[in-house]
Amino acid sequence: MNKVFLMAIFSTLSIQASSINIGYIQFSPYIYKDSKGALKGKIVTYANKLFNEKNIIWKPTPLKRVSRSLDENRIDIFVSFFKSPQREKEVEFPKAPYLTMRPTLCGKAQDMPENLDSFDFIKDKTISFVSGTIIKDKFFGGKNINFVEIKIAKYRERTISMLLDNKLQYSYYGDNTSIVEYISKDHSTLVKCLALPIPPFPVFMVTKKKSPLIKVIEEKIQKYGPLH
């Protein structure tokens, strides 16, 4: 009986050692739940390839709680973080990103300019942004803008609806690919989106400070290459 009990303990420890907790936020087509509640997307597939020897446990983690969740070992990795000086103080970044995204501004087609050479047109306007993101004043500072902070859950759906209902003038999105794909289905003539005239944002997998996992991430990204 004792032998069986000990084997059960060792089995449990083995499973735990082979598991990895990855924090995420949903943003299609990278990470999203399908109609059956299963987690799908490009990042999910990529992470499964990187950590194919691990049992990945996916944990939804709000952006504002990433650092704390890592420090408290609720998650081992957060899968999609932009870099900023403050964030570099709080979490460990690998040497290289695994993905790049093009920040984008959307509005009603008649309200958008031909290009984004100037941001003067957004002065005194209302712009939405995702709760916890780092862009609020990075591009739009000094324009006397009314920022509306909206949670990540169904952000695209909610903000496009708000644009069409005149509850917003413009909306910011972290990735051009996902929002253009979304509006092309039903709103391509009503909504216009333009990528910001800046280099694409690098996206990183991060760990808590001084975690040995950061070296594992670096080696695996080097082995498999970035996500395309």
C-alpha atoms as a PDB file:
ATOM      1  CA  MET A   1       0.000   0.000   0.000  1.00  0.00           C
ATOM      2  CA  ASN A   2       2.824   2.377   0.929  1.00  0.00           C
ATOM      3  CA  LYS A   3       4.595   1.509  -2.313  1.00  0.00           C
ATOM      4  CA  VAL A   4       1.510   2.367  -4.358  1.00  0.00           C
ATOM      5  CA  PHE A   5       1.117   5.618  -2.441  1.00  0.00           C
ATOM      6  CA  LEU A   6       4.745   6.598  -3.091  1.00  0.00           C
ATOM      7  CA  MET A   7       4.403   5.772  -6.788  1.00  0.00           C
ATOM      8  CA  ALA A   8       1.365   8.036  -6.973  1.00  0.00           C
ATOM      9  CA  ILE A   9       3.331  10.882  -5.382  1.00  0.00           C
ATOM     10  CA  PHE A  10       6.254  10.441  -7.776  1.00  0.00           C
ATOM     11  CA  SER A  11       3.859  10.308 -10.711  1.00  0.00           C
ATOM     12  CA  THR A  12       2.224  13.570  -9.620  1.00  0.00           C
ATOM     13  CA  LEU A  13       5.599  15.267  -9.193  1.00  0.00           C
ATOM     14  CA  SER A  14       6.657  14.092 -12.640  1.00  0.00           C
ATOM     15  CA  ILE A  15       3.545  15.587 -14.226  1.00  0.00           C
ATOM     16  CA  GLN A  16       4.089  18.870 -12.419  1.00  0.00           C
ATOM     17  CA  ALA A  17       7.720  19.012 -13.520  1.00  0.00           C
ATOM     18  CA  SER A  18       6.707  18.451 -17.126  1.00  0.00           C
ATOM     19  CA  SER A  19       4.063  21.201 -17.068  1.00  0.00           C
ATOM     20  CA  ILE A  20       4.430  24.881 -17.830  1.00  0.00           C
ATOM     21  CA  ASN A  21       1.946  27.649 -17.033  1.00  0.00           C
ATOM     22  CA  ILE A  22       1.638  30.229 -19.804  1.00  0.00           C
ATOM     23  CA  GLY A  23      -0.304  33.449 -19.300  1.00  0.00           C
ATOM     24  CA  TYR A  24      -2.136  35.042 -22.214  1.00  0.00           C
ATOM     25  CA  ILE A  25      -4.738  37.533 -23.371  1.00  0.00           C
ATOM     26  CA  GLN A  26      -7.093  36.741 -26.221  1.00  0.00           C
ATOM     27  CA  PHE A  27      -6.607  38.520 -29.539  1.00  0.00           C
ATOM     28  CA  SER A  28      -7.585  36.731 -32.725  1.00  0.00           C
ATOM     29  CA  PRO A  29      -6.061  35.353 -34.929  1.00  0.00           C
ATOM     30  CA  TYR A  30      -3.184  34.838 -32.492  1.00  0.00           C
ATOM     31  CA  ILE A  31      -4.962  33.516 -29.391  1.00  0.00           C
ATOM     32  CA  TYR A  32      -8.706  33.003 -29.120  1.00  0.00           C
ATOM     33  CA  LYS A  33     -11.319  30.527 -27.950  1.00  0.00           C
ATOM     34  CA  ASP A  34     -13.395  28.784 -30.578  1.00  0.00           C
ATOM     35  CA  SER A  35     -17.132  28.100 -30.327  1.00  0.00           C
ATOM     36  CA  LYS A  36     -16.416  25.058 -28.152  1.00  0.00           C
ATOM     37  CA  GLY A  37     -14.167  26.974 -25.756  1.00  0.00           C
ATOM     38  CA  ALA A  38     -10.916  25.452 -27.020  1.00  0.00           C
ATOM     39  CA  LEU A  39      -7.914  27.766 -27.227  1.00  0.00           C
ATOM     40  CA  LYS A  40      -6.753  28.246 -30.816  1.00  0.00           C
ATOM     41  CA  GLY A  41      -4.540  30.561 -32.830  1.00  0.00           C
ATOM     42  CA  LYS A  42      -1.092  31.159 -34.292  1.00  0.00           C
ATOM     43  CA  ILE A  43       0.594  31.753 -30.926  1.00  0.00           C
ATOM     44  CA  VAL A  44      -0.989  28.629 -29.450  1.00  0.00           C
ATOM     45  CA  THR A  45       0.373  26.531 -32.324  1.00  0.00           C
ATOM     46  CA  TYR A  46       3.783  28.191 -32.047  1.00  0.00           C
ATOM     47  CA  ALA A  47       4.009  27.680 -28.267  1.00  0.00           C
ATOM     48  CA  ASN A  48       3.031  24.032 -28.659  1.00  0.00           C
ATOM     49  CA  LYS A  49       5.935  23.642 -31.091  1.00  0.00           C
ATOM     50  CA  LEU A  50       8.402  25.422 -28.807  1.00  0.00           C
ATOM     51  CA  PHE A  51       7.393  23.518 -25.680  1.00  0.00           C
ATOM     52  CA  ASN A  52       6.378  20.224 -27.261  1.00  0.00           C
ATOM     53  CA  GLU A  53       7.904  18.285 -24.369  1.00  0.00           C
ATOM     54  CA  LYS A  54       5.741  20.143 -21.856  1.00  0.00           C
ATOM     55  CA  ASN A  55       2.125  19.972 -20.817  1.00  0.00           C
ATOM     56  CA  ILE A  56       1.090  23.587 -21.402  1.00  0.00           C
ATOM     57  CA  ILE A  57      -1.474  24.998 -18.992  1.00  0.00           C
ATOM     58  CA  TRP A  58      -2.903  28.194 -20.478  1.00  0.00           C
ATOM     59  CA  LYS A  59      -3.974  30.829 -17.959  1.00  0.00           C
ATOM     60  CA  PRO A  60      -5.803  34.052 -18.893  1.00  0.00           C
ATOM     61  CA  THR A  61      -3.814  36.912 -17.374  1.00  0.00           C
ATOM     62  CA  PRO A  62      -4.770  40.615 -17.555  1.00  0.00           C
ATOM     63  CA  LEU A  63      -1.942  42.837 -18.764  1.00  0.00           C
ATOM     64  CA  LYS A  64      -1.913  44.803 -15.521  1.00  0.00           C
ATOM     65  CA  ARG A  65      -1.301  41.605 -13.525  1.00  0.00           C
ATOM     66  CA  VAL A  66       1.463  40.056 -15.618  1.00  0.00           C
ATOM     67  CA  SER A  67       4.407  41.079 -13.430  1.00  0.00           C
ATOM     68  CA  ARG A  68       2.665  40.085 -10.213  1.00  0.00           C
ATOM     69  CA  SER A  69       1.455  36.766 -11.650  1.00  0.00           C
ATOM     70  CA  LEU A  70       5.014  35.913 -12.700  1.00  0.00           C
ATOM     71  CA  ASP A  71       6.496  36.911  -9.337  1.00  0.00           C
ATOM     72  CA  GLU A  72       3.899  34.842  -7.465  1.00  0.00           C
ATOM     73  CA  ASN A  73       4.535  31.828  -9.756  1.00  0.00           C
ATOM     74  CA  ARG A  74       0.951  31.752 -10.973  1.00  0.00           C
ATOM     75  CA  ILE A  75       2.408  31.675 -14.464  1.00  0.00           C
ATOM     76  CA  ASP A  76       5.899  30.758 -15.701  1.00  0.00           C
ATOM     77  CA  ILE A  77       5.732  32.708 -18.967  1.00  0.00           C
ATOM     78  CA  PHE A  78       3.570  35.474 -20.348  1.00  0.00           C
ATOM     79  CA  VAL A  79       3.312  34.960 -24.051  1.00  0.00           C
ATOM     80  CA  SER A  80       2.826  38.416 -25.597  1.00  0.00           C
ATOM     81  CA  PHE A  81       4.444  41.512 -24.106  1.00  0.00           C
ATOM     82  CA  PHE A  82       5.620  44.734 -25.704  1.00  0.00           C
ATOM     83  CA  LYS A  83       8.814  46.177 -24.244  1.00  0.00           C
ATOM     84  CA  SER A  84       8.987  49.428 -22.281  1.00  0.00           C
ATOM     85  CA  PRO A  85      11.527  50.809 -19.764  1.00  0.00           C
ATOM     86  CA  GLN A  86       9.121  50.182 -16.887  1.00  0.00           C
ATOM     87  CA  ARG A  87       8.366  46.640 -17.980  1.00  0.00           C
ATOM     88  CA  GLU A  88      12.079  45.880 -18.308  1.00  0.00           C
ATOM     89  CA  LYS A  89      12.388  46.658 -14.593  1.00  0.00           C
ATOM     90  CA  GLU A  90       9.571  44.257 -13.725  1.00  0.00           C
ATOM     91  CA  VAL A  91      10.045  41.189 -15.943  1.00  0.00           C
ATOM     92  CA  GLU A  92      12.792  39.385 -17.854  1.00  0.00           C
ATOM     93  CA  PHE A  93      12.859  39.821 -21.627  1.00  0.00           C
ATOM     94  CA  PRO A  94      14.703  37.437 -23.969  1.00  0.00           C
ATOM     95  CA  LYS A  95      17.273  38.801 -26.395  1.00  0.00           C
ATOM     96  CA  ALA A  96      14.977  38.536 -29.398  1.00  0.00           C
ATOM     97  CA  PRO A  97      11.222  38.772 -30.037  1.00  0.00           C
ATOM     98  CA  TYR A  98       9.306  35.966 -31.691  1.00  0.00           C
ATOM     99  CA  LEU A  99       6.699  38.141 -33.422  1.00  0.00           C
ATOM    100  CA  THR A 100       6.247  41.684 -34.733  1.00  0.00           C
ATOM    101  CA  MET A 101       3.013  43.673 -34.967  1.00  0.00           C
ATOM    102  CA  ARG A 102       2.055  46.900 -36.711  1.00  0.00           C
ATOM    103  CA  PRO A 103       0.062  49.297 -34.488  1.00  0.00           C
ATOM    104  CA  THR A 104      -3.020  50.604 -36.268  1.00  0.00           C
ATOM    105  CA  LEU A 105      -5.608  53.361 -35.985  1.00  0.00           C
ATOM    106  CA  CYS A 106      -9.167  52.854 -37.231  1.00  0.00           C
ATOM    107  CA  GLY A 107     -12.138  55.132 -37.698  1.00  0.00           C
ATOM    108  CA  LYS A 108     -15.180  55.595 -39.874  1.00  0.00           C
ATOM    109  CA  ALA A 109     -14.076  55.638 -43.503  1.00  0.00           C
ATOM    110  CA  GLN A 110     -15.171  59.250 -44.022  1.00  0.00           C
ATOM    111  CA  ASP A 111     -13.272  60.408 -40.916  1.00  0.00           C
ATOM    112  CA  MET A 112      -9.911  58.835 -41.753  1.00  0.00           C
ATOM    113  CA  PRO A 113      -7.212  60.670 -43.743  1.00  0.00           C
ATOM    114  CA  GLU A 114      -5.449  59.264 -46.791  1.00  0.00           C
ATOM    115  CA  ASN A 115      -2.361  58.568 -44.684  1.00  0.00           C
ATOM    116  CA  LEU A 116      -0.968  59.126 -41.191  1.00  0.00           C
ATOM    117  CA  ASP A 117       1.737  61.656 -42.015  1.00  0.00           C
ATOM    118  CA  SER A 118       0.238  63.869 -39.308  1.00  0.00           C
ATOM    119  CA  PHE A 119      -1.893  63.208 -36.231  1.00  0.00           C
ATOM    120  CA  ASP A 120      -3.428  66.685 -36.117  1.00  0.00           C
ATOM    121  CA  PHE A 121      -6.802  65.286 -37.171  1.00  0.00           C
ATOM    122  CA  ILE A 122      -7.213  63.462 -33.838  1.00  0.00           C
ATOM    123  CA  LYS A 123      -6.974  66.612 -31.718  1.00  0.00           C
ATOM    124  CA  ASP A 124      -9.912  66.849 -29.278  1.00  0.00           C
ATOM    125  CA  LYS A 125     -11.219  63.466 -30.442  1.00  0.00           C
ATOM    126  CA  THR A 126     -12.093  60.289 -28.518  1.00  0.00           C
ATOM    127  CA  ILE A 127      -9.819  57.249 -28.993  1.00  0.00           C
ATOM    128  CA  SER A 128     -10.133  53.823 -27.405  1.00  0.00           C
ATOM    129  CA  PHE A 129      -7.202  51.711 -26.301  1.00  0.00           C
ATOM    130  CA  VAL A 130      -6.814  48.343 -24.608  1.00  0.00           C
ATOM    131  CA  SER A 131      -6.659  48.420 -20.824  1.00  0.00           C
ATOM    132  CA  GLY A 132      -3.060  47.939 -19.688  1.00  0.00           C
ATOM    133  CA  THR A 133      -1.336  48.775 -22.975  1.00  0.00           C
ATOM    134  CA  ILE A 134       1.596  51.170 -23.113  1.00  0.00           C
ATOM    135  CA  ILE A 135       0.648  53.361 -26.076  1.00  0.00           C
ATOM    136  CA  LYS A 136      -1.609  55.932 -24.461  1.00  0.00           C
ATOM    137  CA  ASP A 137       0.801  58.877 -24.679  1.00  0.00           C
ATOM    138  CA  LYS A 138       3.486  57.317 -26.878  1.00  0.00           C
ATOM    139  CA  PHE A 139       2.012  58.494 -30.184  1.00  0.00           C
ATOM    140  CA  PHE A 140      -0.925  60.696 -29.288  1.00  0.00           C
ATOM    141  CA  GLY A 141       0.444  62.820 -26.443  1.00  0.00           C
ATOM    142  CA  GLY A 142      -0.139  66.566 -26.514  1.00  0.00           C
ATOM    143  CA  LYS A 143      -3.250  66.354 -28.702  1.00  0.00           C
ATOM    144  CA  ASN A 144      -5.793  66.952 -25.911  1.00  0.00           C
ATOM    145  CA  ILE A 145      -7.350  63.575 -26.661  1.00  0.00           C
ATOM    146  CA  ASN A 146     -10.114  61.897 -24.691  1.00  0.00           C
ATOM    147  CA  PHE A 147      -8.820  58.356 -24.139  1.00  0.00           C
ATOM    148  CA  VAL A 148     -11.291  55.569 -23.421  1.00  0.00           C
ATOM    149  CA  GLU A 149      -9.799  52.497 -21.752  1.00  0.00           C
ATOM    150  CA  ILE A 150     -11.534  49.246 -22.723  1.00  0.00           C
ATOM    151  CA  LYS A 151     -10.836  45.714 -21.497  1.00  0.00           C
ATOM    152  CA  ILE A 152      -9.280  43.249 -23.928  1.00  0.00           C
ATOM    153  CA  ALA A 153     -12.270  40.854 -23.961  1.00  0.00           C
ATOM    154  CA  LYS A 154     -14.069  41.360 -27.300  1.00  0.00           C
ATOM    155  CA  TYR A 155     -12.164  44.609 -27.789  1.00  0.00           C
ATOM    156  CA  ARG A 156     -12.432  44.553 -31.589  1.00  0.00           C
ATOM    157  CA  GLU A 157     -16.134  43.791 -31.615  1.00  0.00           C
ATOM    158  CA  ARG A 158     -16.951  46.405 -28.987  1.00  0.00           C
ATOM    159  CA  THR A 159     -14.835  49.196 -30.441  1.00  0.00           C
ATOM    160  CA  ILE A 160     -15.971  48.735 -34.045  1.00  0.00           C
ATOM    161  CA  SER A 161     -19.574  48.805 -32.817  1.00  0.00           C
ATOM    162  CA  MET A 162     -18.825  51.973 -30.828  1.00  0.00           C
ATOM    163  CA  LEU A 163     -17.241  53.594 -33.889  1.00  0.00           C
ATOM    164  CA  LEU A 164     -20.294  52.867 -36.015  1.00  0.00           C
ATOM    165  CA  ASP A 165     -22.613  54.120 -33.242  1.00  0.00           C
ATOM    166  CA  ASN A 166     -20.604  57.374 -32.944  1.00  0.00           C
ATOM    167  CA  LYS A 167     -19.547  56.594 -29.371  1.00  0.00           C
ATOM    168  CA  LEU A 168     -15.903  56.800 -30.475  1.00  0.00           C
ATOM    169  CA  GLN A 169     -14.152  58.772 -33.186  1.00  0.00           C
ATOM    170  CA  TYR A 170     -11.135  56.468 -33.455  1.00  0.00           C
ATOM    171  CA  SER A 171      -9.794  53.244 -32.006  1.00  0.00           C
ATOM    172  CA  TYR A 172      -6.250  51.988 -31.519  1.00  0.00           C
ATOM    173  CA  TYR A 173      -5.241  48.365 -32.211  1.00  0.00           C
ATOM    174  CA  GLY A 174      -1.914  46.721 -31.499  1.00  0.00           C
ATOM    175  CA  ASP A 175      -1.858  44.662 -34.678  1.00  0.00           C
ATOM    176  CA  ASN A 176      -2.819  45.568 -38.234  1.00  0.00           C
ATOM    177  CA  THR A 177      -3.244  41.968 -39.402  1.00  0.00           C
ATOM    178  CA  SER A 178      -5.940  41.011 -36.910  1.00  0.00           C
ATOM    179  CA  ILE A 179      -8.087  44.153 -37.201  1.00  0.00           C
ATOM    180  CA  VAL A 180      -7.947  44.322 -41.014  1.00  0.00           C
ATOM    181  CA  GLU A 181      -8.913  40.652 -41.150  1.00  0.00           C
ATOM    182  CA  TYR A 182     -11.856  41.351 -38.844  1.00  0.00           C
ATOM    183  CA  ILE A 183     -13.297  44.404 -40.619  1.00  0.00           C
ATOM    184  CA  SER A 184     -12.904  42.804 -44.054  1.00  0.00           C
ATOM    185  CA  LYS A 185     -15.707  40.379 -43.180  1.00  0.00           C
ATOM    186  CA  ASP A 186     -18.535  42.871 -42.598  1.00  0.00           C
ATOM    187  CA  HIS A 187     -17.286  46.440 -42.289  1.00  0.00           C
ATOM    188  CA  SER A 188     -14.769  47.002 -45.087  1.00  0.00           C
ATOM    189  CA  THR A 189     -16.718  49.912 -46.618  1.00  0.00           C
ATOM    190  CA  LEU A 190     -17.649  51.529 -43.299  1.00  0.00           C
ATOM    191  CA  VAL A 191     -14.369  51.399 -41.380  1.00  0.00           C
ATOM    192  CA  LYS A 192     -10.890  52.368 -42.532  1.00  0.00           C
ATOM    193  CA  CYS A 193      -7.701  51.308 -40.773  1.00  0.00           C
ATOM    194  CA  LEU A 194      -4.185  52.644 -41.260  1.00  0.00           C
ATOM    195  CA  ALA A 195      -0.978  51.256 -39.791  1.00  0.00           C
ATOM    196  CA  LEU A 196       0.999  53.841 -37.829  1.00  0.00           C
ATOM    197  CA  PRO A 197       4.079  55.104 -39.733  1.00  0.00           C
ATOM    198  CA  ILE A 198       6.557  53.532 -37.335  1.00  0.00           C
ATOM    199  CA  PRO A 199       8.582  50.299 -37.285  1.00  0.00           C
ATOM    200  CA  PRO A 200       6.594  47.212 -36.236  1.00  0.00           C
ATOM    201  CA  PHE A 201       6.445  46.476 -32.518  1.00  0.00           C
ATOM    202  CA  PRO A 202       8.448  43.441 -31.341  1.00  0.00           C
ATOM    203  CA  VAL A 203       6.476  40.995 -29.193  1.00  0.00           C
ATOM    204  CA  PHE A 204       8.213  38.940 -26.501  1.00  0.00           C
ATOM    205  CA  MET A 205       7.647  35.951 -24.263  1.00  0.00           C
ATOM    206  CA  VAL A 206       8.655  37.072 -20.769  1.00  0.00           C
ATOM    207  CA  THR A 207       9.400  35.501 -17.394  1.00  0.00           C
ATOM    208  CA  LYS A 208       9.947  36.797 -13.901  1.00  0.00           C
ATOM    209  CA  LYS A 209      13.301  38.394 -13.182  1.00  0.00           C
ATOM    210  CA  LYS A 210      16.325  36.049 -13.271  1.00  0.00           C
ATOM    211  CA  SER A 211      14.257  33.027 -14.247  1.00  0.00           C
ATOM    212  CA  PRO A 212      16.314  30.258 -15.912  1.00  0.00           C
ATOM    213  CA  LEU A 213      13.392  29.809 -18.300  1.00  0.00           C
ATOM    214  CA  ILE A 214      14.497  32.883 -20.235  1.00  0.00           C
ATOM    215  CA  LYS A 215      17.494  30.972 -21.619  1.00  0.00           C
ATOM    216  CA  VAL A 216      15.206  28.126 -22.653  1.00  0.00           C
ATOM    217  CA  ILE A 217      12.976  30.586 -24.509  1.00  0.00           C
ATOM    218  CA  GLU A 218      15.963  32.150 -26.271  1.00  0.00           C
ATOM    219  CA  GLU A 219      17.312  28.773 -27.363  1.00  0.00           C
ATOM    220  CA  LYS A 220      13.954  27.584 -28.654  1.00  0.00           C
ATOM    221  CA  ILE A 221      13.231  30.769 -30.612  1.00  0.00           C
ATOM    222  CA  GLN A 222      16.691  30.521 -32.146  1.00  0.00           C
ATOM    223  CA  LYS A 223      16.053  26.872 -33.034  1.00  0.00           C
ATOM    224  CA  TYR A 224      12.563  27.251 -34.512  1.00  0.00           C
ATOM    225  CA  GLY A 225      12.730  30.838 -35.729  1.00  0.00           C
ATOM    226  CA  PRO A 226      10.119  33.577 -35.245  1.00  0.00           C
ATOM    227  CA  LEU A 227       6.395  33.242 -35.784  1.00  0.00           C
ATOM    228  CA  HIS A 228       5.263  34.320 -39.254  1.00  0.00           C
END
